Every structure is written in structure tokens, then in C-alpha cells.
Amino acid sequence: TLAEYNIQKEATIHLVLSLLGGGKKRKKKVYTKPKKAHHKHKKVKLAVLKFYQVDKDGKVNKSRKSCPSECCGAGVRLAVHKDRMHCGKCSLTFKVEND
């Protein structure tokens, strides 16, 4: 209470608080290089045709392997790179040895 601190009734109390973010204004930073352009997704038309090959007999064969991981299932194909095969869903990667 106020009586414990020897403060009289009807006294004026000055309260001083420290505020977060109460610093001075700063000059706007001048950047030397332009911002890096973000990667834009490029749509490849009829990309599904890369996943299958049709024989002379009319039989359809899969040209890409399916991901063996349990979380992906049979419908997810592995991307073929020059040194590896990679699953885009679960990030599983197989190294391919080129002899």
C-alpha cells in the first residue's frame, strides 16, 4: 500500500518505464546488389509421357521406377538424374553407378 512507502494521500507520483523498441529512427539501408530473383516453376506439357513407353505390340511399359518407401506407394515415380534416382515426396535417393 501507499502508507508502507511513506506516500501521502493525494500525492503526485511520477512513473518511469522502459519501453521495448523505444530507440531512435534509423536511416534507410542502401543495398549494393539487387535482390535475387525467385525460382519460378516451369510447367512441362505432357510430362507424363516420360514415365511410360509403348512397344510395337501396343504394350505399355514403365520407364521410371516406383518409390519403394511405404509412405509414397506405387504411384510415385523416382526422378532420374545423371548420378542418382530421387523421390520428390519422401527425399529417398539411390546412387547410380555409371561404369
N, C-alpha and C. Protein backbone atom coordinates (compact mmCIF):
# COMPACT_ATOMS: atom_id res chain seq x y z
N THR A 1 0.84 -1.18 0.00
CA THR A 1 0.00 0.00 0.00
C THR A 1 0.88 1.24 0.00
N LEU A 2 0.24 2.40 -0.18
CA LEU A 2 0.99 3.65 -0.23
C LEU A 2 1.55 4.04 1.12
N ALA A 3 0.87 3.66 2.20
CA ALA A 3 1.32 4.02 3.54
C ALA A 3 2.63 3.33 3.89
N GLU A 4 2.87 2.14 3.35
CA GLU A 4 4.11 1.41 3.63
C GLU A 4 5.33 2.13 3.05
N TYR A 5 5.16 2.87 1.96
CA TYR A 5 6.25 3.58 1.32
C TYR A 5 6.29 5.05 1.70
N ASN A 6 5.58 5.46 2.73
CA ASN A 6 5.52 6.85 3.22
C ASN A 6 5.06 7.81 2.12
N ILE A 7 4.05 7.39 1.36
CA ILE A 7 3.48 8.26 0.33
C ILE A 7 2.16 8.79 0.87
N GLN A 8 2.05 10.12 0.86
CA GLN A 8 0.85 10.74 1.42
C GLN A 8 -0.31 10.64 0.44
N LYS A 9 -1.50 10.82 0.98
CA LYS A 9 -2.71 10.78 0.17
C LYS A 9 -2.73 12.01 -0.74
N GLU A 10 -3.25 11.86 -1.96
CA GLU A 10 -3.36 12.93 -2.96
C GLU A 10 -1.98 13.39 -3.47
N ALA A 11 -0.92 12.56 -3.30
CA ALA A 11 0.42 12.93 -3.77
C ALA A 11 0.55 12.63 -5.26
N THR A 12 1.41 13.39 -5.92
CA THR A 12 1.68 13.16 -7.34
C THR A 12 2.83 12.17 -7.46
N ILE A 13 2.62 11.11 -8.25
CA ILE A 13 3.64 10.07 -8.43
C ILE A 13 4.10 10.10 -9.89
N HIS A 14 5.41 10.20 -10.08
CA HIS A 14 5.98 10.15 -11.43
C HIS A 14 6.44 8.72 -11.70
N LEU A 15 5.95 8.13 -12.78
CA LEU A 15 6.24 6.73 -13.11
C LEU A 15 7.16 6.71 -14.34
N VAL A 16 8.27 6.00 -14.23
CA VAL A 16 9.23 5.89 -15.33
C VAL A 16 9.31 4.42 -15.73
N LEU A 17 9.00 4.14 -17.01
CA LEU A 17 9.05 2.77 -17.52
C LEU A 17 10.00 2.70 -18.71
N SER A 18 10.66 1.56 -18.87
CA SER A 18 11.48 1.35 -20.06
C SER A 18 10.61 0.64 -21.10
N LEU A 19 10.63 1.17 -22.32
CA LEU A 19 9.80 0.62 -23.39
C LEU A 19 10.66 -0.18 -24.36
N LEU A 20 10.11 -1.28 -24.83
CA LEU A 20 10.78 -2.05 -25.87
C LEU A 20 10.59 -1.34 -27.21
N GLY A 21 11.62 -1.25 -27.98
CA GLY A 21 11.52 -0.63 -29.30
C GLY A 21 11.43 0.88 -29.22
N GLY A 22 11.88 1.46 -28.14
CA GLY A 22 11.78 2.91 -28.00
C GLY A 22 13.01 3.64 -28.48
N GLY A 23 13.78 3.02 -29.39
CA GLY A 23 15.00 3.65 -29.87
C GLY A 23 14.73 4.72 -30.90
N LYS A 24 15.81 5.31 -31.41
CA LYS A 24 15.68 6.38 -32.39
C LYS A 24 15.37 5.79 -33.77
N LYS A 25 14.92 6.68 -34.66
CA LYS A 25 14.70 6.26 -36.05
C LYS A 25 16.05 6.02 -36.70
N ARG A 26 16.09 5.09 -37.63
CA ARG A 26 17.33 4.77 -38.34
C ARG A 26 17.21 5.20 -39.79
N LYS A 27 18.37 5.45 -40.40
CA LYS A 27 18.38 5.75 -41.83
C LYS A 27 18.04 4.49 -42.60
N LYS A 28 17.38 4.66 -43.76
CA LYS A 28 17.04 3.52 -44.59
C LYS A 28 18.32 2.96 -45.22
N LYS A 29 18.46 1.63 -45.19
CA LYS A 29 19.67 0.99 -45.69
C LYS A 29 19.69 1.02 -47.21
N VAL A 30 20.85 1.34 -47.78
CA VAL A 30 21.02 1.34 -49.24
C VAL A 30 21.72 0.04 -49.61
N TYR A 31 21.03 -0.82 -50.37
CA TYR A 31 21.59 -2.12 -50.74
C TYR A 31 22.48 -1.97 -51.96
N THR A 32 23.57 -2.75 -52.00
CA THR A 32 24.53 -2.64 -53.09
C THR A 32 24.14 -3.50 -54.29
N LYS A 33 23.53 -4.66 -54.04
CA LYS A 33 23.15 -5.57 -55.14
C LYS A 33 21.63 -5.69 -55.18
N PRO A 34 21.07 -5.95 -56.34
CA PRO A 34 19.61 -6.18 -56.40
C PRO A 34 19.24 -7.51 -55.77
N LYS A 35 17.99 -7.64 -55.37
CA LYS A 35 17.53 -8.87 -54.74
C LYS A 35 17.58 -10.02 -55.75
N LYS A 36 17.84 -11.22 -55.22
CA LYS A 36 17.92 -12.40 -56.06
C LYS A 36 16.52 -12.78 -56.55
N ALA A 37 16.40 -13.09 -57.83
CA ALA A 37 15.10 -13.46 -58.39
C ALA A 37 14.72 -14.85 -57.91
N HIS A 38 13.46 -15.02 -57.51
CA HIS A 38 12.98 -16.31 -57.03
C HIS A 38 12.82 -17.29 -58.19
N HIS A 39 12.99 -18.59 -57.88
CA HIS A 39 12.82 -19.63 -58.88
C HIS A 39 11.34 -19.77 -59.22
N LYS A 40 11.03 -19.71 -60.50
CA LYS A 40 9.65 -19.86 -60.94
C LYS A 40 9.46 -21.26 -61.50
N HIS A 41 8.37 -21.92 -61.13
CA HIS A 41 8.07 -23.27 -61.60
C HIS A 41 7.73 -23.23 -63.08
N LYS A 42 8.39 -24.09 -63.87
CA LYS A 42 8.12 -24.16 -65.30
C LYS A 42 7.29 -25.40 -65.58
N LYS A 43 6.13 -25.22 -66.17
CA LYS A 43 5.26 -26.34 -66.50
C LYS A 43 5.79 -27.03 -67.75
N VAL A 44 5.93 -28.36 -67.68
CA VAL A 44 6.35 -29.15 -68.83
C VAL A 44 5.11 -29.85 -69.36
N LYS A 45 4.69 -29.50 -70.56
CA LYS A 45 3.48 -30.08 -71.12
C LYS A 45 3.70 -31.55 -71.45
N LEU A 46 2.70 -32.38 -71.18
CA LEU A 46 2.71 -33.82 -71.45
C LEU A 46 3.90 -34.52 -70.80
N ALA A 47 4.25 -34.11 -69.58
CA ALA A 47 5.39 -34.69 -68.87
C ALA A 47 5.15 -36.15 -68.50
N VAL A 48 3.89 -36.57 -68.45
CA VAL A 48 3.54 -37.95 -68.11
C VAL A 48 4.07 -38.92 -69.16
N LEU A 49 4.27 -38.45 -70.39
CA LEU A 49 4.76 -39.33 -71.45
C LEU A 49 6.18 -39.82 -71.20
N LYS A 50 6.93 -39.14 -70.31
CA LYS A 50 8.28 -39.60 -69.96
C LYS A 50 8.24 -40.84 -69.07
N PHE A 51 7.13 -41.07 -68.38
CA PHE A 51 7.04 -42.16 -67.42
C PHE A 51 6.72 -43.50 -68.06
N TYR A 52 6.23 -43.51 -69.29
CA TYR A 52 5.79 -44.75 -69.93
C TYR A 52 6.33 -44.84 -71.35
N GLN A 53 6.54 -46.08 -71.84
CA GLN A 53 6.95 -46.34 -73.22
C GLN A 53 5.98 -47.35 -73.81
N VAL A 54 5.60 -47.16 -75.05
CA VAL A 54 4.68 -48.07 -75.72
C VAL A 54 5.47 -48.90 -76.73
N ASP A 55 5.34 -50.25 -76.64
CA ASP A 55 6.03 -51.16 -77.56
C ASP A 55 5.33 -51.18 -78.91
N LYS A 56 5.94 -51.92 -79.86
CA LYS A 56 5.31 -52.11 -81.17
C LYS A 56 4.02 -52.90 -81.05
N ASP A 57 3.96 -53.78 -80.03
CA ASP A 57 2.76 -54.61 -79.82
C ASP A 57 1.62 -53.79 -79.23
N GLY A 58 1.90 -52.60 -78.72
CA GLY A 58 0.87 -51.79 -78.05
C GLY A 58 0.89 -51.98 -76.54
N LYS A 59 1.92 -52.69 -76.03
CA LYS A 59 2.03 -52.92 -74.59
C LYS A 59 2.73 -51.71 -73.95
N VAL A 60 2.21 -51.28 -72.79
CA VAL A 60 2.74 -50.10 -72.10
C VAL A 60 3.71 -50.57 -71.01
N ASN A 61 4.94 -50.03 -71.02
CA ASN A 61 5.96 -50.35 -70.01
C ASN A 61 6.30 -49.09 -69.23
N LYS A 62 6.62 -49.28 -67.94
CA LYS A 62 7.04 -48.16 -67.11
C LYS A 62 8.52 -47.89 -67.36
N SER A 63 8.87 -46.65 -67.65
CA SER A 63 10.28 -46.31 -67.88
C SER A 63 10.94 -45.75 -66.62
N ARG A 64 10.16 -45.41 -65.61
CA ARG A 64 10.70 -44.92 -64.33
C ARG A 64 10.30 -45.88 -63.23
N LYS A 65 11.21 -46.09 -62.27
CA LYS A 65 10.91 -46.97 -61.14
C LYS A 65 9.99 -46.28 -60.15
N SER A 66 9.17 -47.07 -59.46
CA SER A 66 8.32 -46.54 -58.40
C SER A 66 9.13 -46.45 -57.11
N CYS A 67 8.72 -45.57 -56.22
CA CYS A 67 9.42 -45.40 -54.94
C CYS A 67 9.09 -46.59 -54.04
N PRO A 68 10.10 -47.26 -53.47
CA PRO A 68 9.84 -48.43 -52.61
C PRO A 68 9.41 -48.06 -51.19
N SER A 69 9.44 -46.79 -50.84
CA SER A 69 9.09 -46.37 -49.48
C SER A 69 7.61 -46.60 -49.22
N GLU A 70 7.27 -46.94 -47.97
CA GLU A 70 5.88 -47.23 -47.61
C GLU A 70 5.01 -45.98 -47.64
N CYS A 71 5.59 -44.82 -47.34
CA CYS A 71 4.79 -43.59 -47.29
C CYS A 71 4.38 -43.11 -48.68
N CYS A 72 5.14 -43.49 -49.71
CA CYS A 72 4.84 -43.00 -51.06
C CYS A 72 3.84 -43.88 -51.80
N GLY A 73 4.10 -45.16 -51.86
CA GLY A 73 3.20 -46.04 -52.59
C GLY A 73 3.64 -46.23 -54.03
N ALA A 74 2.78 -46.89 -54.82
CA ALA A 74 3.14 -47.29 -56.17
C ALA A 74 3.02 -46.16 -57.18
N GLY A 75 2.26 -45.11 -56.90
CA GLY A 75 2.02 -44.07 -57.88
C GLY A 75 3.12 -43.03 -57.97
N VAL A 76 4.07 -43.03 -57.04
CA VAL A 76 5.12 -42.01 -57.02
C VAL A 76 6.35 -42.56 -57.74
N ARG A 77 6.79 -41.87 -58.78
CA ARG A 77 7.94 -42.31 -59.57
C ARG A 77 9.21 -41.60 -59.11
N LEU A 78 10.35 -42.25 -59.34
CA LEU A 78 11.64 -41.67 -58.98
C LEU A 78 12.16 -40.81 -60.13
N ALA A 79 12.66 -39.63 -59.80
CA ALA A 79 13.26 -38.75 -60.80
C ALA A 79 14.63 -39.30 -61.17
N VAL A 80 14.96 -39.26 -62.45
CA VAL A 80 16.23 -39.81 -62.93
C VAL A 80 17.19 -38.65 -63.19
N HIS A 81 18.30 -38.64 -62.43
CA HIS A 81 19.38 -37.68 -62.63
C HIS A 81 20.58 -38.43 -63.20
N LYS A 82 21.66 -37.72 -63.53
CA LYS A 82 22.79 -38.40 -64.15
C LYS A 82 23.54 -39.32 -63.19
N ASP A 83 23.48 -39.05 -61.88
CA ASP A 83 24.22 -39.87 -60.92
C ASP A 83 23.35 -40.48 -59.83
N ARG A 84 22.03 -40.26 -59.87
CA ARG A 84 21.17 -40.76 -58.80
C ARG A 84 19.72 -40.83 -59.27
N MET A 85 18.91 -41.54 -58.48
CA MET A 85 17.46 -41.55 -58.65
C MET A 85 16.87 -41.02 -57.36
N HIS A 86 15.92 -40.10 -57.45
CA HIS A 86 15.45 -39.36 -56.27
C HIS A 86 13.93 -39.32 -56.23
N CYS A 87 13.37 -39.52 -55.02
CA CYS A 87 11.93 -39.40 -54.82
C CYS A 87 11.65 -37.99 -54.31
N GLY A 88 10.78 -37.26 -54.98
CA GLY A 88 10.47 -35.89 -54.59
C GLY A 88 9.55 -35.80 -53.40
N LYS A 89 8.84 -36.90 -53.07
CA LYS A 89 7.89 -36.85 -51.97
C LYS A 89 8.56 -37.13 -50.63
N CYS A 90 9.38 -38.20 -50.57
CA CYS A 90 9.97 -38.58 -49.27
C CYS A 90 11.48 -38.34 -49.23
N SER A 91 12.07 -37.79 -50.28
CA SER A 91 13.50 -37.46 -50.38
C SER A 91 14.42 -38.68 -50.32
N LEU A 92 13.92 -39.84 -50.72
CA LEU A 92 14.74 -41.04 -50.78
C LEU A 92 15.62 -40.96 -52.03
N THR A 93 16.92 -41.25 -51.89
CA THR A 93 17.85 -41.12 -53.01
C THR A 93 18.65 -42.40 -53.16
N PHE A 94 18.78 -42.87 -54.40
CA PHE A 94 19.61 -44.03 -54.73
C PHE A 94 20.73 -43.55 -55.64
N LYS A 95 21.97 -43.91 -55.31
CA LYS A 95 23.11 -43.58 -56.16
C LYS A 95 23.16 -44.58 -57.31
N VAL A 96 23.40 -44.09 -58.53
CA VAL A 96 23.50 -44.94 -59.71
C VAL A 96 24.96 -44.98 -60.12
N GLU A 97 25.52 -46.19 -60.19
CA GLU A 97 26.91 -46.36 -60.58
C GLU A 97 27.00 -46.43 -62.09
N ASN A 98 27.68 -45.48 -62.72
CA ASN A 98 27.89 -45.49 -64.17
C ASN A 98 29.26 -46.07 -64.46
N ASP A 99 29.30 -47.23 -65.12
CA ASP A 99 30.58 -47.88 -65.44
C ASP A 99 30.96 -47.63 -66.87
